[in-house]
Amino acid sequence: MAPIDVPPLASSNRRILPIWTDGLFAVAVGIIGGELLGRTVNYWVAVAGTLLLASFCNHVLLTITVGGSIGKLISGLRLIRVSDLSKPGIGQAVHRWLWGFFYIVISPVLFLTGSDVDHLDIAGLRIVRKADLH
């Protein structure tokens, strides 16, 4: 069996748009959820709950279904398994989603200490340009 030719990681400039798009999407859904549900439960609980639900649906369910979040799809990027170039499984997608929250928390420390921790191929997944897939 021939080794799989894994496409290169998408450039950091290309990966920035999905971060902002997905983040703004989750915040917007959270605010809407807070407005709609804030009368029955605490406003901030509703915001946090709907934000997390939107993030999960976008980063896990949409990714295992079509290969990327809303931001990645708009940017022409896909999230693939490094092992076989297919779409991620649910376990891998959840792992990467949870790692993202951890990375948000530790990134200021990494920045201040000058660390260059490689966080891009989490759970055996890689963000690549759709054009680089054969």
C-alpha atoms as a PDB file:
ATOM      1  CA  MET A   1       0.000   0.000   0.000  1.00  0.00           C
ATOM      2  CA  ALA A   2       1.386   3.401  -0.999  1.00  0.00           C
ATOM      3  CA  PRO A   3       1.849   6.066   1.675  1.00  0.00           C
ATOM      4  CA  ILE A   4      -0.795   8.780   1.752  1.00  0.00           C
ATOM      5  CA  ASP A   5       0.330  12.166   0.462  1.00  0.00           C
ATOM      6  CA  VAL A   6      -1.034  14.491   3.167  1.00  0.00           C
ATOM      7  CA  PRO A   7      -1.718  18.034   1.906  1.00  0.00           C
ATOM      8  CA  PRO A   8       0.159  20.845   3.642  1.00  0.00           C
ATOM      9  CA  LEU A   9      -1.391  22.789   6.474  1.00  0.00           C
ATOM     10  CA  ALA A  10      -3.356  25.820   5.263  1.00  0.00           C
ATOM     11  CA  SER A  11      -1.498  29.072   5.844  1.00  0.00           C
ATOM     12  CA  SER A  12      -2.071  31.045   9.034  1.00  0.00           C
ATOM     13  CA  ASN A  13      -3.508  33.909   6.957  1.00  0.00           C
ATOM     14  CA  ARG A  14      -6.074  31.518   5.498  1.00  0.00           C
ATOM     15  CA  ARG A  15      -6.968  30.070   8.917  1.00  0.00           C
ATOM     16  CA  ILE A  16      -7.686  33.474  10.518  1.00  0.00           C
ATOM     17  CA  LEU A  17     -11.000  34.111   8.702  1.00  0.00           C
ATOM     18  CA  PRO A  18     -12.678  30.920   9.998  1.00  0.00           C
ATOM     19  CA  ILE A  19     -11.667  31.756  13.564  1.00  0.00           C
ATOM     20  CA  TRP A  20     -13.389  35.139  13.396  1.00  0.00           C
ATOM     21  CA  THR A  21     -16.375  33.887  11.386  1.00  0.00           C
ATOM     22  CA  ASP A  22     -17.060  30.957  13.710  1.00  0.00           C
ATOM     23  CA  GLY A  23     -16.485  33.086  16.804  1.00  0.00           C
ATOM     24  CA  LEU A  24     -18.856  35.823  15.675  1.00  0.00           C
ATOM     25  CA  PHE A  25     -21.433  33.213  14.683  1.00  0.00           C
ATOM     26  CA  ALA A  26     -21.322  31.596  18.140  1.00  0.00           C
ATOM     27  CA  VAL A  27     -21.498  34.959  19.942  1.00  0.00           C
ATOM     28  CA  ALA A  28     -24.434  36.089  17.779  1.00  0.00           C
ATOM     29  CA  VAL A  29     -26.340  32.866  18.419  1.00  0.00           C
ATOM     30  CA  GLY A  30     -25.538  33.183  22.128  1.00  0.00           C
ATOM     31  CA  ILE A  31     -26.925  36.716  22.269  1.00  0.00           C
ATOM     32  CA  ILE A  32     -30.059  35.697  20.369  1.00  0.00           C
ATOM     33  CA  GLY A  33     -30.488  32.724  22.712  1.00  0.00           C
ATOM     34  CA  GLY A  34     -30.056  35.015  25.697  1.00  0.00           C
ATOM     35  CA  GLU A  35     -32.758  37.327  24.382  1.00  0.00           C
ATOM     36  CA  LEU A  36     -35.159  34.491  23.605  1.00  0.00           C
ATOM     37  CA  LEU A  37     -34.548  32.376  26.707  1.00  0.00           C
ATOM     38  CA  GLY A  38     -33.467  35.087  29.144  1.00  0.00           C
ATOM     39  CA  ARG A  39     -37.007  35.547  30.409  1.00  0.00           C
ATOM     40  CA  THR A  40     -37.265  31.925  31.601  1.00  0.00           C
ATOM     41  CA  VAL A  41     -33.698  31.386  32.854  1.00  0.00           C
ATOM     42  CA  ASN A  42     -30.861  33.703  33.789  1.00  0.00           C
ATOM     43  CA  TYR A  43     -29.808  35.749  30.738  1.00  0.00           C
ATOM     44  CA  TRP A  44     -26.108  34.831  31.001  1.00  0.00           C
ATOM     45  CA  VAL A  45     -26.864  31.144  31.478  1.00  0.00           C
ATOM     46  CA  ALA A  46     -28.979  31.276  28.317  1.00  0.00           C
ATOM     47  CA  VAL A  47     -26.213  33.119  26.431  1.00  0.00           C
ATOM     48  CA  ALA A  48     -23.535  30.637  27.529  1.00  0.00           C
ATOM     49  CA  GLY A  49     -25.715  27.608  26.844  1.00  0.00           C
ATOM     50  CA  THR A  50     -26.775  28.639  23.359  1.00  0.00           C
ATOM     51  CA  LEU A  51     -23.245  29.805  22.512  1.00  0.00           C
ATOM     52  CA  LEU A  52     -21.834  26.394  23.477  1.00  0.00           C
ATOM     53  CA  LEU A  53     -24.605  24.567  21.620  1.00  0.00           C
ATOM     54  CA  ALA A  54     -23.988  26.625  18.472  1.00  0.00           C
ATOM     55  CA  SER A  55     -20.245  26.049  18.769  1.00  0.00           C
ATOM     56  CA  PHE A  56     -20.734  22.297  19.201  1.00  0.00           C
ATOM     57  CA  CYS A  57     -23.079  22.059  16.219  1.00  0.00           C
ATOM     58  CA  ASN A  58     -20.727  24.127  14.067  1.00  0.00           C
ATOM     59  CA  HIS A  59     -17.404  22.568  15.063  1.00  0.00           C
ATOM     60  CA  VAL A  60     -18.453  18.983  15.686  1.00  0.00           C
ATOM     61  CA  LEU A  61     -21.685  18.057  13.909  1.00  0.00           C
ATOM     62  CA  LEU A  62     -21.134  20.154  10.787  1.00  0.00           C
ATOM     63  CA  THR A  63     -17.500  19.085  10.602  1.00  0.00           C
ATOM     64  CA  ILE A  64     -18.223  15.350  10.713  1.00  0.00           C
ATOM     65  CA  THR A  65     -21.015  15.842   8.193  1.00  0.00           C
ATOM     66  CA  VAL A  66     -19.373  18.065   5.545  1.00  0.00           C
ATOM     67  CA  GLY A  67     -15.736  18.390   6.603  1.00  0.00           C
ATOM     68  CA  GLY A  68     -15.620  21.839   8.154  1.00  0.00           C
ATOM     69  CA  SER A  69     -17.257  24.549  10.201  1.00  0.00           C
ATOM     70  CA  ILE A  70     -19.129  27.461   8.601  1.00  0.00           C
ATOM     71  CA  GLY A  71     -15.972  29.582   8.643  1.00  0.00           C
ATOM     72  CA  LYS A  72     -13.824  26.853   7.116  1.00  0.00           C
ATOM     73  CA  LEU A  73     -16.335  26.147   4.365  1.00  0.00           C
ATOM     74  CA  ILE A  74     -16.587  29.855   3.472  1.00  0.00           C
ATOM     75  CA  SER A  75     -12.773  30.061   3.394  1.00  0.00           C
ATOM     76  CA  GLY A  76     -12.355  27.031   1.150  1.00  0.00           C
ATOM     77  CA  LEU A  77     -10.790  24.956   3.928  1.00  0.00           C
ATOM     78  CA  ARG A  78     -11.498  21.437   5.137  1.00  0.00           C
ATOM     79  CA  LEU A  79     -10.618  19.511   8.271  1.00  0.00           C
ATOM     80  CA  ILE A  80      -9.256  16.076   7.387  1.00  0.00           C
ATOM     81  CA  ARG A  81      -7.827  13.041   9.125  1.00  0.00           C
ATOM     82  CA  VAL A  82      -4.099  12.893   8.530  1.00  0.00           C
ATOM     83  CA  SER A  83      -4.253   9.089   8.431  1.00  0.00           C
ATOM     84  CA  ASP A  84      -6.611   8.683   5.465  1.00  0.00           C
ATOM     85  CA  LEU A  85      -7.662  12.191   4.295  1.00  0.00           C
ATOM     86  CA  SER A  86     -11.317  11.540   5.178  1.00  0.00           C
ATOM     87  CA  LYS A  87     -13.695  13.612   7.303  1.00  0.00           C
ATOM     88  CA  PRO A  88     -13.139  13.460  11.067  1.00  0.00           C
ATOM     89  CA  GLY A  89     -15.009  11.038  13.278  1.00  0.00           C
ATOM     90  CA  ILE A  90     -17.107  12.292  16.179  1.00  0.00           C
ATOM     91  CA  GLY A  91     -14.454  11.458  18.776  1.00  0.00           C
ATOM     92  CA  GLN A  92     -11.780  13.370  16.889  1.00  0.00           C
ATOM     93  CA  ALA A  93     -14.076  16.346  16.301  1.00  0.00           C
ATOM     94  CA  VAL A  94     -15.103  16.531  19.969  1.00  0.00           C
ATOM     95  CA  HIS A  95     -11.456  16.234  21.059  1.00  0.00           C
ATOM     96  CA  ARG A  96     -10.451  19.087  18.762  1.00  0.00           C
ATOM     97  CA  TRP A  97     -13.445  21.222  19.854  1.00  0.00           C
ATOM     98  CA  LEU A  98     -12.610  20.797  23.544  1.00  0.00           C
ATOM     99  CA  TRP A  99      -8.911  21.441  22.868  1.00  0.00           C
ATOM    100  CA  GLY A 100      -9.922  24.760  21.278  1.00  0.00           C
ATOM    101  CA  PHE A 101     -11.398  25.978  24.574  1.00  0.00           C
ATOM    102  CA  PHE A 102      -8.275  24.893  26.449  1.00  0.00           C
ATOM    103  CA  TYR A 103      -6.090  26.632  23.864  1.00  0.00           C
ATOM    104  CA  ILE A 104      -8.056  29.883  24.264  1.00  0.00           C
ATOM    105  CA  VAL A 105      -7.255  29.785  27.987  1.00  0.00           C
ATOM    106  CA  ILE A 106      -3.554  28.930  27.661  1.00  0.00           C
ATOM    107  CA  SER A 107      -2.710  31.013  24.562  1.00  0.00           C
ATOM    108  CA  PRO A 108      -1.872  34.179  26.561  1.00  0.00           C
ATOM    109  CA  VAL A 109       0.590  32.155  28.644  1.00  0.00           C
ATOM    110  CA  LEU A 110       2.105  30.618  25.511  1.00  0.00           C
ATOM    111  CA  PHE A 111       2.423  34.081  23.960  1.00  0.00           C
ATOM    112  CA  LEU A 112       4.044  35.607  27.058  1.00  0.00           C
ATOM    113  CA  THR A 113       6.511  32.750  27.451  1.00  0.00           C
ATOM    114  CA  GLY A 114       7.397  32.648  23.758  1.00  0.00           C
ATOM    115  CA  SER A 115       6.351  29.014  23.448  1.00  0.00           C
ATOM    116  CA  ASP A 116       5.783  27.554  20.008  1.00  0.00           C
ATOM    117  CA  VAL A 117       3.555  24.634  20.998  1.00  0.00           C
ATOM    118  CA  ASP A 118       2.264  22.909  17.883  1.00  0.00           C
ATOM    119  CA  HIS A 119      -1.504  22.910  18.288  1.00  0.00           C
ATOM    120  CA  LEU A 120      -2.526  22.546  14.679  1.00  0.00           C
ATOM    121  CA  ASP A 121      -2.745  18.775  14.153  1.00  0.00           C
ATOM    122  CA  ILE A 122      -4.860  18.052  17.213  1.00  0.00           C
ATOM    123  CA  ALA A 123      -6.494  14.610  17.363  1.00  0.00           C
ATOM    124  CA  GLY A 124      -4.840  13.556  14.107  1.00  0.00           C
ATOM    125  CA  LEU A 125      -6.683  16.252  12.148  1.00  0.00           C
ATOM    126  CA  ARG A 126      -5.356  18.978   9.874  1.00  0.00           C
ATOM    127  CA  ILE A 127      -6.843  22.095   8.288  1.00  0.00           C
ATOM    128  CA  VAL A 128      -6.091  22.072   4.564  1.00  0.00           C
ATOM    129  CA  ARG A 129      -7.202  23.997   1.498  1.00  0.00           C
ATOM    130  CA  LYS A 130      -9.988  22.219  -0.380  1.00  0.00           C
ATOM    131  CA  ALA A 131      -8.005  22.873  -3.562  1.00  0.00           C
ATOM    132  CA  ASP A 132      -5.117  20.757  -2.180  1.00  0.00           C
ATOM    133  CA  LEU A 133      -7.310  17.662  -1.795  1.00  0.00           C
ATOM    134  CA  HIS A 134      -7.059  15.290  -4.758  1.00  0.00           C
END
